[in-house]
Every structure is written in C-alpha cells, then in structure tokens.
All heavy atoms as atom14 arrays in JSON, in Angstrom:
{
  "sequence": "DLKPTAGISPEHQRENLNLLSRFNHDHLEDHPWQDDLQARIENY",
  "atom14_mask": [
    [1, 1, 1, 1, 1, 1, 1, 1, 0, 0, 0, 0, 0, 0],
    [1, 1, 1, 1, 1, 1, 1, 1, 0, 0, 0, 0, 0, 0],
    [1, 1, 1, 1, 1, 1, 1, 1, 1, 0, 0, 0, 0, 0],
    [1, 1, 1, 1, 1, 1, 1, 0, 0, 0, 0, 0, 0, 0],
    [1, 1, 1, 1, 1, 1, 1, 0, 0, 0, 0, 0, 0, 0],
    [1, 1, 1, 1, 1, 0, 0, 0, 0, 0, 0, 0, 0, 0],
    [1, 1, 1, 1, 0, 0, 0, 0, 0, 0, 0, 0, 0, 0],
    [1, 1, 1, 1, 1, 1, 1, 1, 0, 0, 0, 0, 0, 0],
    [1, 1, 1, 1, 1, 1, 0, 0, 0, 0, 0, 0, 0, 0],
    [1, 1, 1, 1, 1, 1, 1, 0, 0, 0, 0, 0, 0, 0],
    [1, 1, 1, 1, 1, 1, 1, 1, 1, 0, 0, 0, 0, 0],
    [1, 1, 1, 1, 1, 1, 1, 1, 1, 1, 0, 0, 0, 0],
    [1, 1, 1, 1, 1, 1, 1, 1, 1, 0, 0, 0, 0, 0],
    [1, 1, 1, 1, 1, 1, 1, 1, 1, 1, 1, 0, 0, 0],
    [1, 1, 1, 1, 1, 1, 1, 1, 1, 0, 0, 0, 0, 0],
    [1, 1, 1, 1, 1, 1, 1, 1, 0, 0, 0, 0, 0, 0],
    [1, 1, 1, 1, 1, 1, 1, 1, 0, 0, 0, 0, 0, 0],
    [1, 1, 1, 1, 1, 1, 1, 1, 0, 0, 0, 0, 0, 0],
    [1, 1, 1, 1, 1, 1, 1, 1, 0, 0, 0, 0, 0, 0],
    [1, 1, 1, 1, 1, 1, 1, 1, 0, 0, 0, 0, 0, 0],
    [1, 1, 1, 1, 1, 1, 0, 0, 0, 0, 0, 0, 0, 0],
    [1, 1, 1, 1, 1, 1, 1, 1, 1, 1, 1, 0, 0, 0],
    [1, 1, 1, 1, 1, 1, 1, 1, 1, 1, 1, 0, 0, 0],
    [1, 1, 1, 1, 1, 1, 1, 1, 0, 0, 0, 0, 0, 0],
    [1, 1, 1, 1, 1, 1, 1, 1, 1, 1, 0, 0, 0, 0],
    [1, 1, 1, 1, 1, 1, 1, 1, 0, 0, 0, 0, 0, 0],
    [1, 1, 1, 1, 1, 1, 1, 1, 1, 1, 0, 0, 0, 0],
    [1, 1, 1, 1, 1, 1, 1, 1, 0, 0, 0, 0, 0, 0],
    [1, 1, 1, 1, 1, 1, 1, 1, 1, 0, 0, 0, 0, 0],
    [1, 1, 1, 1, 1, 1, 1, 1, 0, 0, 0, 0, 0, 0],
    [1, 1, 1, 1, 1, 1, 1, 1, 1, 1, 0, 0, 0, 0],
    [1, 1, 1, 1, 1, 1, 1, 0, 0, 0, 0, 0, 0, 0],
    [1, 1, 1, 1, 1, 1, 1, 1, 1, 1, 1, 1, 1, 1],
    [1, 1, 1, 1, 1, 1, 1, 1, 1, 0, 0, 0, 0, 0],
    [1, 1, 1, 1, 1, 1, 1, 1, 0, 0, 0, 0, 0, 0],
    [1, 1, 1, 1, 1, 1, 1, 1, 0, 0, 0, 0, 0, 0],
    [1, 1, 1, 1, 1, 1, 1, 1, 0, 0, 0, 0, 0, 0],
    [1, 1, 1, 1, 1, 1, 1, 1, 1, 0, 0, 0, 0, 0],
    [1, 1, 1, 1, 1, 0, 0, 0, 0, 0, 0, 0, 0, 0],
    [1, 1, 1, 1, 1, 1, 1, 1, 1, 1, 1, 0, 0, 0],
    [1, 1, 1, 1, 1, 1, 1, 1, 0, 0, 0, 0, 0, 0],
    [1, 1, 1, 1, 1, 1, 1, 1, 1, 0, 0, 0, 0, 0],
    [1, 1, 1, 1, 1, 1, 1, 1, 0, 0, 0, 0, 0, 0],
    [1, 1, 1, 1, 1, 1, 1, 1, 1, 1, 1, 1, 0, 0]
  ],
  "atom14_positions": [
    [[11.51, 22.26, 74.17], [12.7, 21.62, 74.73], [13.57, 22.58, 75.52], [14.8, 22.41, 75.59], [13.55, 20.95, 73.62], [12.72, 19.91, 72.84], [11.94, 19.17, 73.47], [12.86, 19.89, 71.6], [0.0, 0.0, 0.0], [0.0, 0.0, 0.0], [0.0, 0.0, 0.0], [0.0, 0.0, 0.0], [0.0, 0.0, 0.0], [0.0, 0.0, 0.0]],
    [[12.93, 23.59, 76.1], [13.71, 24.57, 76.87], [14.32, 23.92, 78.13], [15.41, 24.27, 78.54], [12.84, 25.75, 77.26], [13.49, 26.91, 77.98], [14.59, 27.52, 77.14], [12.44, 27.97, 78.34], [0.0, 0.0, 0.0], [0.0, 0.0, 0.0], [0.0, 0.0, 0.0], [0.0, 0.0, 0.0], [0.0, 0.0, 0.0], [0.0, 0.0, 0.0]],
    [[13.56, 22.98, 78.7], [14.08, 22.27, 79.85], [14.71, 20.95, 79.44], [14.17, 20.26, 78.59], [12.94, 22.02, 80.85], [12.3, 23.28, 81.45], [11.23, 22.91, 82.46], [10.62, 24.2, 83.07], [9.53, 23.88, 84.05], [0.0, 0.0, 0.0], [0.0, 0.0, 0.0], [0.0, 0.0, 0.0], [0.0, 0.0, 0.0], [0.0, 0.0, 0.0]],
    [[15.82, 20.58, 79.99], [16.46, 19.31, 79.67], [15.56, 18.14, 80.07], [14.68, 18.27, 80.92], [17.76, 19.3, 80.5], [17.98, 20.72, 80.9], [16.63, 21.35, 80.96], [0.0, 0.0, 0.0], [0.0, 0.0, 0.0], [0.0, 0.0, 0.0], [0.0, 0.0, 0.0], [0.0, 0.0, 0.0], [0.0, 0.0, 0.0], [0.0, 0.0, 0.0]],
    [[15.74, 17.01, 79.39], [14.98, 15.82, 79.74], [15.24, 15.44, 81.16], [16.38, 15.57, 81.68], [15.39, 14.67, 78.8], [15.23, 15.09, 77.45], [14.57, 13.42, 79.05], [0.0, 0.0, 0.0], [0.0, 0.0, 0.0], [0.0, 0.0, 0.0], [0.0, 0.0, 0.0], [0.0, 0.0, 0.0], [0.0, 0.0, 0.0], [0.0, 0.0, 0.0]],
    [[14.21, 14.94, 81.84], [14.35, 14.54, 83.25], [15.51, 13.52, 83.39], [15.64, 12.6, 82.58], [13.05, 13.92, 83.72], [0.0, 0.0, 0.0], [0.0, 0.0, 0.0], [0.0, 0.0, 0.0], [0.0, 0.0, 0.0], [0.0, 0.0, 0.0], [0.0, 0.0, 0.0], [0.0, 0.0, 0.0], [0.0, 0.0, 0.0], [0.0, 0.0, 0.0]],
    [[16.33, 13.77, 84.39], [17.44, 12.87, 84.66], [18.77, 13.26, 83.97], [19.79, 12.63, 84.19], [0.0, 0.0, 0.0], [0.0, 0.0, 0.0], [0.0, 0.0, 0.0], [0.0, 0.0, 0.0], [0.0, 0.0, 0.0], [0.0, 0.0, 0.0], [0.0, 0.0, 0.0], [0.0, 0.0, 0.0], [0.0, 0.0, 0.0], [0.0, 0.0, 0.0]],
    [[18.7, 14.24, 83.09], [19.91, 14.68, 82.37], [20.48, 15.88, 83.11], [19.86, 16.95, 83.17], [19.62, 15.06, 80.9], [19.04, 13.87, 80.17], [20.87, 15.57, 80.24], [19.99, 12.7, 80.05], [0.0, 0.0, 0.0], [0.0, 0.0, 0.0], [0.0, 0.0, 0.0], [0.0, 0.0, 0.0], [0.0, 0.0, 0.0], [0.0, 0.0, 0.0]],
    [[21.64, 15.74, 83.68], [22.28, 16.82, 84.42], [22.98, 17.77, 83.47], [23.27, 17.39, 82.32], [23.33, 16.25, 85.39], [24.41, 15.69, 84.65], [0.0, 0.0, 0.0], [0.0, 0.0, 0.0], [0.0, 0.0, 0.0], [0.0, 0.0, 0.0], [0.0, 0.0, 0.0], [0.0, 0.0, 0.0], [0.0, 0.0, 0.0], [0.0, 0.0, 0.0]],
    [[23.24, 19.02, 83.87], [24.0, 19.95, 83.04], [25.33, 19.4, 82.61], [25.77, 19.64, 81.47], [24.13, 21.19, 83.92], [22.97, 21.12, 84.86], [22.76, 19.67, 85.11], [0.0, 0.0, 0.0], [0.0, 0.0, 0.0], [0.0, 0.0, 0.0], [0.0, 0.0, 0.0], [0.0, 0.0, 0.0], [0.0, 0.0, 0.0], [0.0, 0.0, 0.0]],
    [[26.01, 18.64, 83.51], [27.28, 18.07, 83.17], [27.16, 17.01, 82.03], [27.97, 17.0, 81.12], [27.91, 17.42, 84.41], [28.3, 18.39, 85.5], [27.1, 18.93, 86.29], [26.04, 18.28, 86.25], [27.24, 20.0, 86.9], [0.0, 0.0, 0.0], [0.0, 0.0, 0.0], [0.0, 0.0, 0.0], [0.0, 0.0, 0.0], [0.0, 0.0, 0.0]],
    [[26.15, 16.17, 82.16], [25.9, 15.16, 81.1], [25.57, 15.85, 79.77], [26.05, 15.43, 78.73], [24.74, 14.28, 81.57], [24.53, 13.07, 80.67], [23.58, 12.12, 80.89], [25.22, 12.67, 79.57], [23.65, 11.19, 79.94], [24.64, 11.49, 79.14], [0.0, 0.0, 0.0], [0.0, 0.0, 0.0], [0.0, 0.0, 0.0], [0.0, 0.0, 0.0]],
    [[24.75, 16.9, 79.84], [24.39, 17.61, 78.62], [25.62, 18.25, 77.99], [25.8, 18.31, 76.74], [23.33, 18.67, 78.92], [22.62, 19.22, 77.71], [21.49, 20.11, 78.1], [21.27, 20.4, 79.26], [20.73, 20.58, 77.1], [0.0, 0.0, 0.0], [0.0, 0.0, 0.0], [0.0, 0.0, 0.0], [0.0, 0.0, 0.0], [0.0, 0.0, 0.0]],
    [[26.51, 18.8, 78.84], [27.74, 19.43, 78.34], [28.6, 18.41, 77.61], [29.17, 18.71, 76.55], [28.49, 20.03, 79.51], [29.8, 20.72, 79.19], [29.62, 22.02, 78.45], [29.66, 21.84, 76.99], [29.36, 22.77, 76.15], [28.92, 23.98, 76.55], [29.45, 22.54, 74.83], [0.0, 0.0, 0.0], [0.0, 0.0, 0.0], [0.0, 0.0, 0.0]],
    [[28.69, 17.21, 78.13], [29.47, 16.15, 77.48], [28.86, 15.78, 76.15], [29.59, 15.56, 75.17], [29.54, 14.92, 78.42], [30.37, 15.11, 79.68], [30.33, 13.92, 80.59], [29.65, 12.94, 80.25], [30.99, 13.94, 81.63], [0.0, 0.0, 0.0], [0.0, 0.0, 0.0], [0.0, 0.0, 0.0], [0.0, 0.0, 0.0], [0.0, 0.0, 0.0]],
    [[27.54, 15.7, 76.11], [26.88, 15.39, 74.82], [27.15, 16.46, 73.79], [27.39, 16.18, 72.61], [25.37, 15.24, 75.02], [24.98, 13.98, 75.74], [25.74, 13.05, 75.79], [23.79, 13.97, 76.33], [0.0, 0.0, 0.0], [0.0, 0.0, 0.0], [0.0, 0.0, 0.0], [0.0, 0.0, 0.0], [0.0, 0.0, 0.0], [0.0, 0.0, 0.0]],
    [[27.08, 17.74, 74.22], [27.33, 18.84, 73.27], [28.78, 18.82, 72.77], [29.07, 19.14, 71.61], [27.03, 20.17, 73.94], [25.56, 20.6, 73.97], [25.41, 21.87, 74.78], [24.98, 20.77, 72.58], [0.0, 0.0, 0.0], [0.0, 0.0, 0.0], [0.0, 0.0, 0.0], [0.0, 0.0, 0.0], [0.0, 0.0, 0.0], [0.0, 0.0, 0.0]],
    [[29.75, 18.5, 73.65], [31.14, 18.43, 73.27], [31.32, 17.36, 72.15], [32.04, 17.57, 71.2], [32.02, 18.13, 74.47], [32.1, 19.31, 75.4], [31.78, 20.44, 75.04], [32.53, 19.07, 76.64], [0.0, 0.0, 0.0], [0.0, 0.0, 0.0], [0.0, 0.0, 0.0], [0.0, 0.0, 0.0], [0.0, 0.0, 0.0], [0.0, 0.0, 0.0]],
    [[30.68, 16.17, 72.38], [30.81, 15.11, 71.4], [30.17, 15.53, 70.09], [30.76, 15.34, 68.99], [30.15, 13.86, 71.93], [30.12, 12.65, 71.0], [31.55, 12.21, 70.68], [29.33, 11.48, 71.62], [0.0, 0.0, 0.0], [0.0, 0.0, 0.0], [0.0, 0.0, 0.0], [0.0, 0.0, 0.0], [0.0, 0.0, 0.0], [0.0, 0.0, 0.0]],
    [[28.98, 16.12, 70.16], [28.3, 16.59, 68.94], [29.11, 17.65, 68.21], [29.18, 17.67, 66.99], [26.92, 17.11, 69.31], [26.03, 17.59, 68.17], [25.71, 16.43, 67.24], [24.73, 18.16, 68.73], [0.0, 0.0, 0.0], [0.0, 0.0, 0.0], [0.0, 0.0, 0.0], [0.0, 0.0, 0.0], [0.0, 0.0, 0.0], [0.0, 0.0, 0.0]],
    [[29.71, 18.51, 69.01], [30.52, 19.58, 68.42], [31.71, 19.03, 67.65], [32.05, 19.5, 66.53], [31.0, 20.56, 69.49], [31.77, 21.58, 68.92], [0.0, 0.0, 0.0], [0.0, 0.0, 0.0], [0.0, 0.0, 0.0], [0.0, 0.0, 0.0], [0.0, 0.0, 0.0], [0.0, 0.0, 0.0], [0.0, 0.0, 0.0], [0.0, 0.0, 0.0]],
    [[32.33, 17.96, 68.16], [33.47, 17.35, 67.46], [33.01, 16.78, 66.14], [33.68, 16.92, 65.1], [34.11, 16.29, 68.35], [34.95, 16.83, 69.49], [35.92, 15.8, 70.05], [35.23, 14.67, 70.62], [34.8, 14.62, 71.9], [35.04, 15.63, 72.71], [34.21, 13.52, 72.35], [0.0, 0.0, 0.0], [0.0, 0.0, 0.0], [0.0, 0.0, 0.0]],
    [[31.88, 16.06, 66.16], [31.34, 15.53, 64.89], [31.03, 16.59, 63.87], [31.37, 16.48, 62.68], [30.09, 14.68, 65.18], [30.31, 13.43, 65.9], [29.33, 12.89, 66.72], [31.51, 12.71, 65.75], [29.56, 11.71, 67.43], [31.73, 11.52, 66.46], [30.77, 11.0, 67.29], [0.0, 0.0, 0.0], [0.0, 0.0, 0.0], [0.0, 0.0, 0.0]],
    [[30.4, 17.68, 64.36], [30.03, 18.77, 63.44], [31.24, 19.48, 62.89], [31.26, 19.86, 61.71], [29.11, 19.77, 64.18], [27.69, 19.31, 64.26], [27.22, 18.54, 63.44], [26.97, 19.71, 65.31], [0.0, 0.0, 0.0], [0.0, 0.0, 0.0], [0.0, 0.0, 0.0], [0.0, 0.0, 0.0], [0.0, 0.0, 0.0], [0.0, 0.0, 0.0]],
    [[32.29, 19.67, 63.73], [33.52, 20.32, 63.22], [34.21, 19.45, 62.2], [34.76, 19.97, 61.21], [34.42, 20.69, 64.39], [34.1, 21.98, 65.05], [33.44, 22.04, 66.25], [34.36, 23.26, 64.67], [33.26, 23.31, 66.6], [33.8, 24.07, 65.64], [0.0, 0.0, 0.0], [0.0, 0.0, 0.0], [0.0, 0.0, 0.0], [0.0, 0.0, 0.0]],
    [[34.2, 18.13, 62.39], [34.79, 17.24, 61.39], [34.04, 17.36, 60.07], [34.65, 17.39, 59.0], [34.72, 15.8, 61.88], [35.72, 15.54, 63.03], [36.62, 16.36, 63.22], [35.57, 14.51, 63.72], [0.0, 0.0, 0.0], [0.0, 0.0, 0.0], [0.0, 0.0, 0.0], [0.0, 0.0, 0.0], [0.0, 0.0, 0.0], [0.0, 0.0, 0.0]],
    [[32.72, 17.41, 60.15], [31.9, 17.6, 58.97], [32.15, 18.92, 58.29], [32.23, 19.04, 57.06], [30.42, 17.44, 59.34], [29.48, 17.28, 58.17], [29.71, 16.45, 57.16], [28.32, 17.92, 57.9], [28.73, 16.52, 56.25], [27.86, 17.42, 56.68], [0.0, 0.0, 0.0], [0.0, 0.0, 0.0], [0.0, 0.0, 0.0], [0.0, 0.0, 0.0]],
    [[32.35, 19.97, 59.14], [32.57, 21.3, 58.58], [33.87, 21.37, 57.84], [33.99, 22.07, 56.8], [32.56, 22.31, 59.73], [32.74, 23.81, 59.34], [31.59, 24.28, 58.44], [32.79, 24.68, 60.61], [0.0, 0.0, 0.0], [0.0, 0.0, 0.0], [0.0, 0.0, 0.0], [0.0, 0.0, 0.0], [0.0, 0.0, 0.0], [0.0, 0.0, 0.0]],
    [[34.92, 20.67, 58.27], [36.19, 20.67, 57.56], [36.06, 20.11, 56.16], [36.79, 20.54, 55.24], [37.21, 19.85, 58.39], [37.69, 20.54, 59.65], [38.71, 19.74, 60.4], [39.12, 18.66, 59.88], [39.16, 20.18, 61.45], [0.0, 0.0, 0.0], [0.0, 0.0, 0.0], [0.0, 0.0, 0.0], [0.0, 0.0, 0.0], [0.0, 0.0, 0.0]],
    [[35.14, 19.15, 55.97], [34.92, 18.59, 54.66], [33.95, 19.39, 53.78], [33.82, 19.2, 52.58], [34.37, 17.16, 54.76], [35.44, 16.19, 55.32], [36.61, 16.5, 55.18], [35.04, 15.19, 55.9], [0.0, 0.0, 0.0], [0.0, 0.0, 0.0], [0.0, 0.0, 0.0], [0.0, 0.0, 0.0], [0.0, 0.0, 0.0], [0.0, 0.0, 0.0]],
    [[33.24, 20.33, 54.4], [32.22, 21.13, 53.71], [32.36, 22.61, 54.11], [31.45, 23.2, 54.72], [30.82, 20.63, 53.97], [30.63, 19.2, 53.64], [31.01, 18.17, 54.47], [30.06, 18.6, 52.55], [30.73, 17.01, 53.92], [30.16, 17.22, 52.74], [0.0, 0.0, 0.0], [0.0, 0.0, 0.0], [0.0, 0.0, 0.0], [0.0, 0.0, 0.0]],
    [[33.52, 23.22, 53.87], [33.79, 24.54, 54.41], [32.91, 25.64, 53.86], [32.8, 26.74, 54.44], [35.24, 24.79, 54.04], [35.48, 23.94, 52.82], [34.66, 22.73, 53.03], [0.0, 0.0, 0.0], [0.0, 0.0, 0.0], [0.0, 0.0, 0.0], [0.0, 0.0, 0.0], [0.0, 0.0, 0.0], [0.0, 0.0, 0.0], [0.0, 0.0, 0.0]],
    [[32.22, 25.39, 52.73], [31.39, 26.45, 52.11], [29.98, 26.5, 52.72], [29.23, 27.38, 52.43], [31.26, 26.18, 50.61], [30.67, 24.85, 50.28], [29.33, 24.54, 50.2], [31.38, 23.65, 50.03], [29.17, 23.22, 49.92], [30.41, 22.63, 49.79], [32.74, 23.31, 49.97], [30.76, 21.3, 49.52], [33.07, 21.99, 49.72], [32.1, 21.02, 49.5]],
    [[29.65, 25.53, 53.6], [28.32, 25.51, 54.17], [28.27, 26.25, 55.5], [28.56, 25.69, 56.54], [27.84, 24.04, 54.34], [27.66, 23.32, 53.0], [27.1, 21.93, 53.16], [27.13, 21.39, 54.26], [26.57, 21.36, 52.1], [0.0, 0.0, 0.0], [0.0, 0.0, 0.0], [0.0, 0.0, 0.0], [0.0, 0.0, 0.0], [0.0, 0.0, 0.0]],
    [[27.91, 27.55, 55.4], [27.87, 28.4, 56.59], [26.87, 27.89, 57.62], [27.02, 28.15, 58.82], [27.5, 29.84, 56.21], [28.58, 30.52, 55.42], [29.72, 30.04, 55.48], [28.29, 31.53, 54.75], [0.0, 0.0, 0.0], [0.0, 0.0, 0.0], [0.0, 0.0, 0.0], [0.0, 0.0, 0.0], [0.0, 0.0, 0.0], [0.0, 0.0, 0.0]],
    [[25.82, 27.18, 57.17], [24.79, 26.75, 58.11], [25.35, 25.71, 59.08], [24.8, 25.56, 60.2], [23.58, 26.22, 57.39], [23.9, 25.08, 56.42], [25.07, 25.0, 56.01], [22.99, 24.32, 56.12], [0.0, 0.0, 0.0], [0.0, 0.0, 0.0], [0.0, 0.0, 0.0], [0.0, 0.0, 0.0], [0.0, 0.0, 0.0], [0.0, 0.0, 0.0]],
    [[26.44, 25.01, 58.74], [27.0, 24.05, 59.68], [27.61, 24.77, 60.9], [27.4, 24.36, 62.04], [28.09, 23.22, 58.99], [27.58, 22.23, 57.93], [28.75, 21.55, 57.25], [26.66, 21.21, 58.55], [0.0, 0.0, 0.0], [0.0, 0.0, 0.0], [0.0, 0.0, 0.0], [0.0, 0.0, 0.0], [0.0, 0.0, 0.0], [0.0, 0.0, 0.0]],
    [[28.35, 25.86, 60.62], [28.9, 26.64, 61.73], [27.81, 27.23, 62.59], [27.85, 27.26, 63.81], [29.83, 27.72, 61.19], [30.54, 28.55, 62.28], [31.45, 27.7, 63.16], [32.18, 26.86, 62.62], [31.46, 27.95, 64.44], [0.0, 0.0, 0.0], [0.0, 0.0, 0.0], [0.0, 0.0, 0.0], [0.0, 0.0, 0.0], [0.0, 0.0, 0.0]],
    [[26.76, 27.71, 61.89], [25.61, 28.29, 62.62], [24.99, 27.21, 63.51], [24.53, 27.51, 64.63], [24.59, 28.85, 61.65], [0.0, 0.0, 0.0], [0.0, 0.0, 0.0], [0.0, 0.0, 0.0], [0.0, 0.0, 0.0], [0.0, 0.0, 0.0], [0.0, 0.0, 0.0], [0.0, 0.0, 0.0], [0.0, 0.0, 0.0], [0.0, 0.0, 0.0]],
    [[24.85, 26.0, 63.02], [24.26, 24.93, 63.78], [25.06, 24.66, 65.06], [24.5, 24.48, 66.13], [24.15, 23.67, 62.91], [23.46, 22.47, 63.6], [23.52, 21.26, 62.73], [22.99, 21.52, 61.37], [23.23, 20.74, 60.35], [24.01, 19.67, 60.48], [22.72, 21.01, 59.16], [0.0, 0.0, 0.0], [0.0, 0.0, 0.0], [0.0, 0.0, 0.0]],
    [[26.39, 24.6, 64.88], [27.23, 24.37, 66.04], [27.0, 25.46, 67.09], [26.84, 25.16, 68.33], [28.73, 24.35, 65.62], [28.98, 23.15, 64.71], [29.64, 24.3, 66.83], [30.34, 23.17, 64.03], [0.0, 0.0, 0.0], [0.0, 0.0, 0.0], [0.0, 0.0, 0.0], [0.0, 0.0, 0.0], [0.0, 0.0, 0.0], [0.0, 0.0, 0.0]],
    [[27.02, 26.71, 66.67], [26.87, 27.82, 67.59], [25.46, 27.87, 68.2], [25.31, 28.26, 69.37], [27.2, 29.13, 66.88], [28.71, 29.23, 66.59], [29.04, 30.23, 65.49], [28.09, 30.82, 64.96], [30.24, 30.44, 65.23], [0.0, 0.0, 0.0], [0.0, 0.0, 0.0], [0.0, 0.0, 0.0], [0.0, 0.0, 0.0], [0.0, 0.0, 0.0]],
    [[24.48, 27.45, 67.42], [23.1, 27.42, 67.98], [22.93, 26.39, 69.05], [22.18, 26.61, 70.02], [22.1, 27.2, 66.81], [21.85, 28.44, 66.0], [22.16, 29.53, 66.44], [21.34, 28.28, 64.81], [0.0, 0.0, 0.0], [0.0, 0.0, 0.0], [0.0, 0.0, 0.0], [0.0, 0.0, 0.0], [0.0, 0.0, 0.0], [0.0, 0.0, 0.0]],
    [[23.6, 25.24, 68.9], [23.55, 24.28, 69.99], [24.11, 24.88, 71.29], [23.58, 24.69, 72.38], [24.37, 23.02, 69.64], [23.62, 22.04, 68.74], [24.16, 21.6, 67.53], [22.38, 21.51, 69.08], [23.49, 20.71, 66.7], [21.71, 20.62, 68.26], [22.28, 20.23, 67.08], [21.61, 19.34, 66.28], [0.0, 0.0, 0.0], [0.0, 0.0, 0.0]]
  ]
}
C-alpha cells in the first residue's frame, strides 16, 4: 500500500488522516496507558 488507491488525491488522503487522527486521539484520552495508540497515530 505504498501507493495511494487510484483516484485518491493527497488532499483527500490528508483529510482522511485528520479525521482518523481525531478519532484516535479521543480513544487515547480514554486509554492513556496504551502507548501503542499514540504509536499508531504517529505511524499513520
């Protein structure tokens, strides 16, 4: 998955990541001891 799916622009992908990041940060606030959640956000 190194290359984005056909038809997905960098701008569209950036918006998707921003939305996913908000969901992940909300989850992280409820589970602050799970370091892998922060790692997942940064890995995206």
